Amino acid sequence: MSPILKLPIFIELQQCADKLGLEAYVIGGYVRDLVLNRESKDIDIVVVGDALPLAKAFALLHKQSDFAFFKNFGTAMVKTADWEVEFVGSRKESYQSNSRKPTVSEGTLIDDQNRRDFTINALAISINKKTFGQFIDPFNGLFDLENKTIRTPLAPAITFSDDPLRMLRAIRFASQLEFTILPETFDAIKLNAERINIISYERIAEELNKILLSPKPSLGLNLLFESGLLKLIFKELFNMHGVEVKNGKAHKDNFYHTIHVVNNICDETNNLWLRWAALLHDIGKPATKRFIEDEGGWKFHGHEDKGSKMVPVIFNKLKLPQNEKMRFVQKLVALHHRPKALAEHGVTDSAIRRLIVDAGDDLEDLFTLCRADMTTRFPEKIALYKGNLNKVQQLVKEVEERDQLRNWQPPITGEMIMETFSLQPCKEVGIIKNSIREAILDGKIKNDYSEAFAFMKTVAAELGIRP
């Protein structure tokens, strides 16, 4: 028996279950993670019979805990300072073809294990005193854990047809744990891929987020592509796949480049939204792809602008946040090519100022994305690009320290312009304000009030406006 089951919480659960005369087991993800030596604070307890009395008894031991009972699902949740414990009665399920919501009835422990998605999640451990620590493993889930394989307890075609979300969960677990989906299981995913259409985008996005947060997201993203699911749930990403050849000239496969970039960025950050920026940084390329012989072949002019406009649409469809997180991703997609262009075509103080102002507090994240965007297989090219990017970063540091431009706002506001010249809101106010901004960024005037005020009067005079 693992020493982890000797933790106080399991002794408490045992005593409560035995006192009530209930047969109870730890089941599912906690057991899986226990075997894999992965930390988990979520515990699922299945009770043969009614789980509510055990949940209430356990909650009484933890006076400061949060207790919730979900009558429609027959489950209870107890949240302590350190744990989230869910209690459910053992049950069996049956499904209708047009829904993933099952008809539920009371069942045995084996009925409950039968309804689990994968063998590695069907493991149970007894918490009753007489059999404390005993494994109940009817589907050889321990064998699958040892061999790092994903397999369903029952026939996979039935499992995935009943609840199509399990197809995404299979791929997510393969990505998180770096496991292999068995061929028969993966074939069933491909066969049932169209069933994913009955799953809400909220649930799909939840699985996509977990894939992106896995150590090597390319594993999951590749499986989504190969299974046929990606085309159904995220067509914009699917459309990046493929190579077109014209006049003997080919472009790179932007799908495989993208998942390489995502893997690269995972070496530097656990920030989910920065990983989303990596996933979407080239999303505008299919729409902007053009073959221009005079420019050397395939070009994607304006793909960063097109991509930034696509971000809100994609986030809305996937029911992802429509807030500062989305705007962060949108900004990085719009700017991701800028540092590279500066590194390749020469750097001016004006261009550096504009980069600082446009990126604001997200400048370091932008450079993280730029480093991840290096996917060439030629080491000398990587070294050259890194060297150039480092030069750009150094210039950014120097200009930023000198000109104090981070989160910069022009020293003259629109209100000041209107007050000085007794103007109502009009296009001339915008012209003057923009001229001041451009003059500071171009280095024509310093970033201070007096020079900006004097320049304001000059521009106004050219427009025929007097104080």
Protein backbone atom coordinates (compact mmCIF):
# COMPACT_ATOMS: atom_id res chain seq x y z
CA MET A 1 0.00 0.00 0.00
CA SER A 2 1.27 3.45 -0.87
CA PRO A 3 2.19 5.62 2.13
CA ILE A 4 0.08 8.36 0.54
CA LEU A 5 -3.05 6.44 1.55
CA LYS A 6 -1.89 6.82 5.13
CA LEU A 7 -2.44 10.56 4.91
CA PRO A 8 -4.90 11.81 7.56
CA ILE A 9 -7.61 12.46 4.97
CA PHE A 10 -7.81 8.78 4.01
CA ILE A 11 -7.90 7.67 7.63
CA GLU A 12 -10.80 10.10 8.18
CA LEU A 13 -12.63 8.80 5.11
CA GLN A 14 -12.09 5.22 6.25
CA GLN A 15 -13.45 5.86 9.72
CA CYS A 16 -16.50 7.68 8.36
CA ALA A 17 -17.27 4.94 5.83
CA ASP A 18 -16.87 2.11 8.33
CA LYS A 19 -18.97 3.89 10.95
CA LEU A 20 -21.79 4.27 8.41
CA GLY A 21 -21.34 0.74 7.10
CA LEU A 22 -20.66 1.99 3.58
CA GLU A 23 -18.47 0.36 0.94
CA ALA A 24 -16.26 3.11 -0.46
CA TYR A 25 -13.33 3.50 -2.85
CA VAL A 26 -10.91 6.12 -4.11
CA ILE A 27 -11.31 6.02 -7.89
CA GLY A 28 -10.21 7.69 -11.10
CA GLY A 29 -7.65 10.43 -11.55
CA TYR A 30 -6.27 10.46 -8.02
CA VAL A 31 -5.42 6.75 -8.23
CA ARG A 32 -3.88 7.20 -11.67
CA ASP A 33 -1.73 10.08 -10.47
CA LEU A 34 -0.83 8.17 -7.32
CA VAL A 35 0.65 5.36 -9.42
CA LEU A 36 2.43 7.90 -11.66
CA ASN A 37 3.80 9.85 -8.66
CA ARG A 38 1.99 12.98 -9.84
CA GLU A 39 0.68 15.40 -7.25
CA SER A 40 -3.08 15.75 -7.04
CA LYS A 41 -5.41 17.53 -4.64
CA ASP A 42 -8.65 16.26 -6.22
CA ILE A 43 -10.05 13.03 -4.81
CA ASP A 44 -13.03 11.13 -6.21
CA ILE A 45 -14.82 8.75 -3.81
CA VAL A 46 -17.33 6.26 -5.15
CA VAL A 47 -19.76 4.73 -2.68
CA VAL A 48 -21.78 1.58 -3.36
CA GLY A 49 -25.19 3.01 -2.56
CA ASP A 50 -25.90 6.56 -1.40
CA ALA A 51 -22.81 8.78 -1.20
CA LEU A 52 -24.47 11.71 0.57
CA PRO A 53 -24.19 10.37 4.17
CA LEU A 54 -20.43 9.84 3.74
CA ALA A 55 -20.00 13.33 2.28
CA LYS A 56 -21.89 14.90 5.20
CA ALA A 57 -19.94 12.89 7.79
CA PHE A 58 -16.64 13.91 6.24
CA ALA A 59 -17.71 17.56 6.04
CA LEU A 60 -18.55 17.55 9.77
CA LEU A 61 -14.90 16.71 10.50
CA HIS A 62 -13.86 19.86 8.63
CA LYS A 63 -15.88 22.70 10.12
CA GLN A 64 -14.39 25.32 7.74
CA SER A 65 -15.00 23.29 4.60
CA ASP A 66 -17.37 24.20 1.77
CA PHE A 67 -20.10 21.62 1.21
CA ALA A 68 -22.24 21.35 -1.93
CA PHE A 69 -24.79 18.75 -2.98
CA PHE A 70 -25.77 18.43 -6.64
CA LYS A 71 -29.11 16.65 -6.55
CA ASN A 72 -29.47 16.31 -10.34
CA PHE A 73 -26.17 14.44 -10.53
CA GLY A 74 -26.33 12.66 -7.18
CA THR A 75 -22.92 14.01 -6.22
CA ALA A 76 -21.54 16.02 -3.32
CA MET A 77 -18.39 18.12 -3.06
CA VAL A 78 -16.42 18.96 0.05
CA LYS A 79 -13.67 21.55 -0.29
CA THR A 80 -11.20 21.78 2.59
CA ALA A 81 -8.15 24.02 2.83
CA ASP A 82 -6.04 21.35 1.10
CA TRP A 83 -8.39 19.05 -0.80
CA GLU A 84 -11.39 18.85 -3.09
CA VAL A 85 -13.26 15.62 -2.44
CA GLU A 86 -16.15 14.57 -4.66
CA PHE A 87 -18.53 11.84 -3.52
CA VAL A 88 -20.74 9.87 -5.89
CA GLY A 89 -22.80 6.72 -5.66
CA SER A 90 -21.75 3.86 -7.94
CA ARG A 91 -23.89 3.89 -11.05
CA LYS A 92 -24.40 2.58 -14.53
CA GLU A 93 -25.21 4.64 -17.61
CA SER A 94 -26.99 4.36 -20.95
CA TYR A 95 -26.88 6.88 -23.78
CA GLN A 96 -29.08 8.26 -26.57
CA SER A 97 -27.47 8.93 -29.95
CA ASN A 98 -28.24 12.66 -29.95
CA SER A 99 -26.75 13.47 -26.54
CA ARG A 100 -23.71 12.79 -24.37
CA LYS A 101 -25.86 13.07 -21.25
CA PRO A 102 -26.56 9.55 -20.01
CA THR A 103 -29.52 7.99 -18.29
CA VAL A 104 -28.16 7.06 -14.88
CA SER A 105 -29.24 4.33 -12.47
CA GLU A 106 -27.77 2.75 -9.36
CA GLY A 107 -25.10 0.16 -10.01
CA THR A 108 -22.25 -1.85 -8.57
CA LEU A 109 -18.60 -0.85 -8.37
CA ILE A 110 -17.89 -2.76 -11.59
CA ASP A 111 -20.80 -0.93 -13.29
CA ASP A 112 -19.16 2.32 -12.24
CA GLN A 113 -15.77 1.22 -13.55
CA ASN A 114 -17.38 0.14 -16.83
CA ARG A 115 -18.63 3.69 -17.42
CA ARG A 116 -15.15 5.23 -17.00
CA ASP A 117 -13.49 6.68 -20.09
CA PHE A 118 -10.13 4.88 -19.96
CA THR A 119 -8.62 1.92 -18.16
CA ILE A 120 -6.12 4.20 -16.42
CA ASN A 121 -9.04 6.16 -14.96
CA ALA A 122 -11.01 3.07 -13.89
CA LEU A 123 -8.62 2.03 -11.12
CA ALA A 124 -10.10 1.94 -7.63
CA ILE A 125 -8.60 1.48 -4.16
CA SER A 126 -10.64 0.34 -1.18
CA ILE A 127 -10.71 2.68 1.81
CA ASN A 128 -12.63 0.34 4.14
CA LYS A 129 -10.55 -0.99 7.03
CA LYS A 130 -10.81 -4.70 6.14
CA THR A 131 -9.58 -4.18 2.56
CA PHE A 132 -7.77 -0.85 2.96
CA GLY A 133 -5.38 -0.17 0.06
CA GLN A 134 -6.61 -3.05 -2.10
CA PHE A 135 -6.53 -2.31 -5.86
CA ILE A 136 -9.61 -3.15 -7.94
CA ASP A 137 -8.38 -3.22 -11.53
CA PRO A 138 -10.75 -5.20 -13.78
CA PHE A 139 -9.39 -3.76 -17.04
CA ASN A 140 -5.62 -4.01 -16.47
CA GLY A 141 -5.27 -0.27 -16.02
CA LEU A 142 -2.04 -0.76 -14.06
CA PHE A 143 -0.61 -2.58 -17.09
CA ASP A 144 -1.60 0.36 -19.32
CA LEU A 145 0.01 2.82 -16.90
CA GLU A 146 3.23 0.83 -16.93
CA ASN A 147 3.18 0.68 -20.74
CA LYS A 148 2.05 4.29 -21.16
CA THR A 149 -1.00 3.44 -23.24
CA ILE A 150 -4.51 4.90 -23.55
CA ARG A 151 -7.28 2.28 -23.90
CA THR A 152 -11.01 2.22 -23.17
CA PRO A 153 -12.54 -0.27 -20.70
CA LEU A 154 -15.27 -1.28 -23.15
CA ALA A 155 -15.33 -1.34 -26.95
CA PRO A 156 -13.84 2.00 -28.03
CA ALA A 157 -16.39 2.67 -30.77
CA ILE A 158 -19.20 2.45 -28.20
CA THR A 159 -17.26 4.50 -25.64
CA PHE A 160 -16.64 7.37 -28.07
CA SER A 161 -20.05 7.27 -29.71
CA ASP A 162 -21.73 7.42 -26.28
CA ASP A 163 -19.67 10.41 -25.14
CA PRO A 164 -17.67 12.05 -27.94
CA LEU A 165 -15.87 14.33 -25.48
CA ARG A 166 -13.88 11.24 -24.54
CA MET A 167 -12.11 11.46 -27.91
CA LEU A 168 -10.66 14.83 -26.94
CA ARG A 169 -9.89 13.53 -23.45
CA ALA A 170 -7.97 10.59 -24.93
CA ILE A 171 -5.82 12.99 -26.93
CA ARG A 172 -5.44 15.34 -23.98
CA PHE A 173 -4.24 12.54 -21.69
CA ALA A 174 -1.85 11.32 -24.39
CA SER A 175 -0.43 14.85 -24.57
CA GLN A 176 -0.31 15.48 -20.81
CA LEU A 177 1.17 12.09 -19.87
CA GLU A 178 3.09 11.49 -23.12
CA PHE A 179 1.20 8.21 -23.55
CA THR A 180 0.32 6.37 -26.77
CA ILE A 181 -3.29 5.82 -27.84
CA LEU A 182 -3.60 2.17 -28.87
CA PRO A 183 -4.29 1.68 -32.61
CA GLU A 184 -7.76 0.14 -32.09
CA THR A 185 -8.68 3.03 -29.80
CA PHE A 186 -7.35 5.67 -32.21
CA ASP A 187 -9.14 4.05 -35.15
CA ALA A 188 -12.38 4.36 -33.18
CA ILE A 189 -11.70 8.09 -32.68
CA LYS A 190 -11.27 8.54 -36.43
CA LEU A 191 -14.43 6.53 -37.09
CA ASN A 192 -16.48 8.60 -34.65
CA ALA A 193 -14.88 12.02 -35.27
CA GLU A 194 -18.11 13.55 -36.64
CA ARG A 195 -19.80 12.86 -33.30
CA ILE A 196 -17.74 15.72 -31.83
CA ASN A 197 -20.34 18.07 -33.33
CA ILE A 198 -22.70 17.44 -30.39
CA ILE A 199 -20.10 18.75 -27.91
CA SER A 200 -20.26 22.39 -26.83
CA TYR A 201 -17.37 24.68 -27.66
CA GLU A 202 -16.93 25.44 -23.96
CA ARG A 203 -15.98 21.80 -23.34
CA ILE A 204 -13.83 21.69 -26.48
CA ALA A 205 -11.93 24.82 -25.40
CA GLU A 206 -11.36 23.33 -21.96
CA GLU A 207 -9.62 20.32 -23.54
CA LEU A 208 -7.65 22.51 -25.96
CA ASN A 209 -6.39 24.59 -23.04
CA LYS A 210 -5.24 21.45 -21.24
CA ILE A 211 -3.45 20.24 -24.38
CA LEU A 212 -1.70 23.61 -24.69
CA LEU A 213 -0.67 23.42 -21.02
CA SER A 214 0.84 19.96 -21.45
CA PRO A 215 4.64 19.59 -21.51
CA LYS A 216 4.74 18.98 -25.27
CA PRO A 217 1.52 20.21 -26.91
CA SER A 218 2.58 19.05 -30.38
CA LEU A 219 1.73 15.50 -29.31
CA GLY A 220 -1.90 16.43 -28.79
CA LEU A 221 -2.11 18.84 -31.73
CA ASN A 222 -0.72 16.18 -34.08
CA LEU A 223 -3.24 13.64 -32.82
CA LEU A 224 -6.07 16.12 -33.31
CA PHE A 225 -4.95 16.56 -36.90
CA GLU A 226 -4.43 12.86 -37.64
CA SER A 227 -7.76 11.87 -36.07
CA GLY A 228 -9.79 14.27 -38.21
CA LEU A 229 -10.99 16.17 -35.14
CA LEU A 230 -8.97 19.32 -35.82
CA LYS A 231 -10.75 19.96 -39.12
CA LEU A 232 -14.08 19.79 -37.28
CA ILE A 233 -13.29 21.86 -34.18
CA PHE A 234 -10.57 24.27 -35.33
CA LYS A 235 -10.63 24.62 -39.10
CA GLU A 236 -8.48 27.77 -39.09
CA LEU A 237 -5.58 25.78 -37.64
CA PHE A 238 -6.26 22.78 -39.86
CA ASN A 239 -6.11 25.03 -42.95
CA MET A 240 -2.48 25.85 -42.20
CA HIS A 241 -1.47 22.31 -43.11
CA GLY A 242 0.03 21.53 -46.49
CA VAL A 243 2.75 22.62 -48.89
CA GLU A 244 2.13 24.13 -52.30
CA VAL A 245 4.77 24.05 -55.03
CA LYS A 246 4.89 26.45 -57.98
CA ASN A 247 7.68 26.88 -60.50
CA GLY A 248 9.76 24.53 -58.38
CA LYS A 249 9.36 26.70 -55.29
CA ALA A 250 7.61 25.51 -52.12
CA HIS A 251 6.70 27.17 -48.85
CA LYS A 252 7.05 25.44 -45.47
CA ASP A 253 4.14 23.61 -43.89
CA ASN A 254 2.78 26.27 -41.58
CA PHE A 255 0.89 23.79 -39.39
CA TYR A 256 4.00 21.85 -38.45
CA HIS A 257 5.96 25.08 -38.09
CA THR A 258 3.28 26.35 -35.69
CA ILE A 259 3.25 23.31 -33.42
CA HIS A 260 7.07 23.49 -33.36
CA VAL A 261 6.79 27.11 -32.20
CA VAL A 262 4.30 26.08 -29.51
CA ASN A 263 6.71 23.42 -28.24
CA ASN A 264 9.53 25.97 -28.22
CA ILE A 265 7.59 28.49 -26.19
CA CYS A 266 6.67 25.83 -23.63
CA ASP A 267 10.38 25.61 -22.76
CA GLU A 268 10.18 29.21 -21.55
CA THR A 269 6.70 29.78 -20.13
CA ASN A 270 3.64 28.17 -18.58
CA ASN A 271 1.51 31.19 -19.52
CA LEU A 272 -1.54 29.73 -21.29
CA TRP A 273 -2.24 32.91 -23.24
CA LEU A 274 1.33 33.23 -24.46
CA ARG A 275 1.01 29.65 -25.67
CA TRP A 276 -2.20 30.64 -27.46
CA ALA A 277 -0.28 33.50 -29.09
CA ALA A 278 2.27 30.97 -30.34
CA LEU A 279 -0.52 28.75 -31.68
CA LEU A 280 -2.16 31.64 -33.55
CA HIS A 281 0.86 33.72 -34.54
CA ASP A 282 0.71 32.61 -38.21
CA ILE A 283 -3.03 31.92 -38.38
CA GLY A 284 -3.42 34.59 -41.07
CA LYS A 285 -1.03 32.91 -43.52
CA PRO A 286 -3.52 30.77 -45.49
CA ALA A 287 -5.60 33.86 -46.29
CA THR A 288 -2.58 35.95 -47.35
CA LYS A 289 -0.57 33.36 -49.27
CA ARG A 290 0.53 34.64 -52.68
CA PHE A 291 3.10 33.49 -55.24
CA ILE A 292 5.14 36.52 -56.34
CA GLU A 293 7.88 35.52 -58.74
CA ASP A 294 9.63 38.91 -58.62
CA GLU A 295 9.98 38.58 -54.83
CA GLY A 296 11.36 35.08 -54.90
CA GLY A 297 8.27 32.90 -54.57
CA TRP A 298 5.66 32.42 -51.85
CA LYS A 299 4.84 35.43 -49.71
CA PHE A 300 2.44 36.08 -46.83
CA HIS A 301 2.34 39.87 -46.81
CA GLY A 302 0.18 41.24 -44.00
CA HIS A 303 -0.40 37.86 -42.39
CA GLU A 304 0.20 39.34 -38.93
CA ASP A 305 -2.53 41.98 -39.45
CA LYS A 306 -4.92 39.41 -40.89
CA GLY A 307 -4.15 37.04 -38.04
CA SER A 308 -4.75 39.68 -35.37
CA LYS A 309 -8.21 40.32 -36.86
CA MET A 310 -8.95 36.59 -36.75
CA VAL A 311 -8.11 36.24 -33.04
CA PRO A 312 -11.39 37.73 -31.67
CA VAL A 313 -13.39 35.62 -34.12
CA ILE A 314 -11.61 32.42 -33.05
CA PHE A 315 -11.88 33.25 -29.36
CA ASN A 316 -15.58 33.97 -29.75
CA LYS A 317 -16.24 30.70 -31.57
CA LEU A 318 -14.30 28.68 -28.99
CA LYS A 319 -15.99 30.55 -26.13
CA LEU A 320 -12.61 31.74 -24.88
CA PRO A 321 -12.37 34.99 -22.87
CA GLN A 322 -13.30 38.18 -24.73
CA ASN A 323 -11.21 40.35 -22.40
CA GLU A 324 -7.63 41.43 -21.78
CA LYS A 325 -6.44 37.84 -22.35
CA MET A 326 -7.81 37.88 -25.87
CA ARG A 327 -6.39 41.37 -26.46
CA PHE A 328 -2.98 40.16 -25.24
CA VAL A 329 -3.02 37.32 -27.79
CA GLN A 330 -4.25 39.68 -30.50
CA LYS A 331 -1.46 42.16 -29.78
CA LEU A 332 1.28 39.54 -29.91
CA VAL A 333 -0.07 38.08 -33.16
CA ALA A 334 -0.09 41.59 -34.67
CA LEU A 335 3.46 42.36 -33.51
CA HIS A 336 5.21 38.97 -33.74
CA HIS A 337 6.91 39.75 -37.06
CA ARG A 338 8.09 43.24 -36.11
CA PRO A 339 11.28 42.37 -34.15
CA LYS A 340 12.32 39.89 -36.84
CA ALA A 341 11.83 42.52 -39.56
CA LEU A 342 13.88 45.01 -37.55
CA ALA A 343 16.63 42.45 -37.05
CA GLU A 344 16.76 41.66 -40.77
CA HIS A 345 16.34 45.10 -42.31
CA GLY A 346 18.15 47.41 -39.94
CA VAL A 347 17.15 49.20 -36.79
CA THR A 348 16.40 52.89 -36.30
CA ASP A 349 15.62 54.61 -33.02
CA SER A 350 12.25 55.55 -34.48
CA ALA A 351 11.36 51.91 -35.19
CA ILE A 352 12.51 50.91 -31.72
CA ARG A 353 10.38 53.62 -30.11
CA ARG A 354 7.33 52.43 -32.02
CA LEU A 355 7.94 48.84 -30.95
CA ILE A 356 8.24 49.88 -27.30
CA VAL A 357 5.08 51.98 -27.42
CA ASP A 358 3.01 49.41 -29.32
CA ALA A 359 4.08 46.44 -27.15
CA GLY A 360 3.91 48.24 -23.80
CA ASP A 361 4.15 45.88 -20.84
CA ASP A 362 4.04 42.86 -23.15
CA LEU A 363 7.43 43.55 -24.72
CA GLU A 364 9.26 40.70 -22.92
CA ASP A 365 6.50 38.26 -23.90
CA LEU A 366 6.82 39.43 -27.50
CA PHE A 367 10.53 38.62 -27.51
CA THR A 368 9.76 35.23 -25.94
CA LEU A 369 7.41 34.54 -28.86
CA CYS A 370 10.04 35.72 -31.34
CA ARG A 371 12.63 33.34 -29.90
CA ALA A 372 10.14 30.47 -30.12
CA ASP A 373 9.49 31.36 -33.77
CA MET A 374 12.97 30.15 -34.76
CA THR A 375 12.35 26.72 -36.29
CA THR A 376 14.93 26.38 -39.04
CA ARG A 377 16.91 23.14 -39.03
CA PHE A 378 20.12 25.02 -39.84
CA PRO A 379 22.07 25.90 -36.64
CA GLU A 380 23.95 28.74 -38.31
CA LYS A 381 20.66 30.47 -39.20
CA ILE A 382 19.40 30.08 -35.63
CA ALA A 383 22.64 31.59 -34.31
CA LEU A 384 22.40 34.52 -36.75
CA TYR A 385 18.76 35.24 -35.92
CA LYS A 386 19.37 34.99 -32.17
CA GLY A 387 22.29 37.36 -32.47
CA ASN A 388 20.23 39.89 -34.41
CA LEU A 389 17.31 39.58 -32.01
CA ASN A 390 19.64 40.15 -29.05
CA LYS A 391 20.86 43.34 -30.72
CA VAL A 392 17.28 44.54 -31.10
CA GLN A 393 16.59 43.77 -27.43
CA GLN A 394 19.68 45.68 -26.37
CA LEU A 395 18.64 48.70 -28.42
CA VAL A 396 15.16 48.50 -26.91
CA LYS A 397 16.69 48.60 -23.45
CA GLU A 398 18.85 51.60 -24.30
CA VAL A 399 16.08 53.61 -25.98
CA GLU A 400 13.58 52.74 -23.26
CA GLU A 401 15.91 53.89 -20.49
CA ARG A 402 16.69 57.11 -22.34
CA ASP A 403 13.23 58.06 -23.59
CA GLN A 404 11.00 56.56 -20.87
CA LEU A 405 8.50 55.16 -23.33
CA ARG A 406 7.06 52.06 -21.62
CA ASN A 407 3.25 52.41 -21.44
CA TRP A 408 3.80 55.84 -22.92
CA GLN A 409 1.10 58.44 -23.47
CA PRO A 410 1.87 61.68 -25.39
CA PRO A 411 2.43 64.66 -23.05
CA ILE A 412 -0.29 66.63 -24.87
CA THR A 413 -3.82 65.22 -24.73
CA GLY A 414 -6.78 65.92 -26.96
CA GLU A 415 -8.41 67.84 -24.12
CA MET A 416 -5.36 70.14 -23.86
CA ILE A 417 -5.50 70.81 -27.60
CA MET A 418 -9.19 71.70 -27.50
CA GLU A 419 -8.73 73.95 -24.46
CA THR A 420 -5.73 75.77 -25.94
CA PHE A 421 -7.44 76.54 -29.24
CA SER A 422 -11.06 76.71 -28.03
CA LEU A 423 -12.02 73.80 -30.28
CA GLN A 424 -14.83 71.29 -30.15
CA PRO A 425 -14.04 67.64 -30.99
CA CYS A 426 -13.05 67.60 -34.68
CA LYS A 427 -10.63 65.98 -37.11
CA GLU A 428 -8.09 68.81 -36.64
CA VAL A 429 -7.68 67.80 -32.97
CA GLY A 430 -6.84 64.28 -34.08
CA ILE A 431 -4.37 65.57 -36.71
CA ILE A 432 -2.52 67.70 -34.14
CA LYS A 433 -2.44 64.93 -31.54
CA ASN A 434 -1.18 62.35 -34.04
CA SER A 435 1.47 64.77 -35.36
CA ILE A 436 2.85 65.22 -31.83
CA ARG A 437 2.95 61.45 -31.33
CA GLU A 438 4.75 60.87 -34.63
CA ALA A 439 7.24 63.67 -33.99
CA ILE A 440 8.22 62.18 -30.62
CA LEU A 441 8.51 58.66 -32.00
CA ASP A 442 10.56 59.91 -34.96
CA GLY A 443 12.89 61.78 -32.59
CA LYS A 444 12.07 65.23 -34.00
CA ILE A 445 11.13 66.50 -30.55
CA LYS A 446 11.81 65.23 -27.04
CA ASN A 447 9.25 63.37 -24.98
CA ASP A 448 8.42 66.32 -22.72
CA TYR A 449 5.62 68.82 -22.29
CA SER A 450 7.40 72.02 -23.34
CA GLU A 451 8.69 70.74 -26.69
CA ALA A 452 5.39 69.01 -27.41
CA PHE A 453 3.43 72.20 -26.58
CA ALA A 454 5.58 74.28 -28.89
CA PHE A 455 5.26 71.70 -31.67
CA MET A 456 1.48 71.66 -31.14
CA LYS A 457 1.27 75.38 -31.86
CA THR A 458 3.38 74.96 -35.01
CA VAL A 459 1.14 72.23 -36.38
CA ALA A 460 -1.99 74.17 -35.47
CA ALA A 461 -0.67 77.26 -37.29
CA GLU A 462 -0.06 75.17 -40.41
CA LEU A 463 -3.72 74.17 -40.21
CA GLY A 464 -4.73 77.81 -39.87
CA ILE A 465 -5.67 77.47 -36.20
CA ARG A 466 -4.66 80.13 -33.69
CA PRO A 467 -5.02 80.24 -29.88
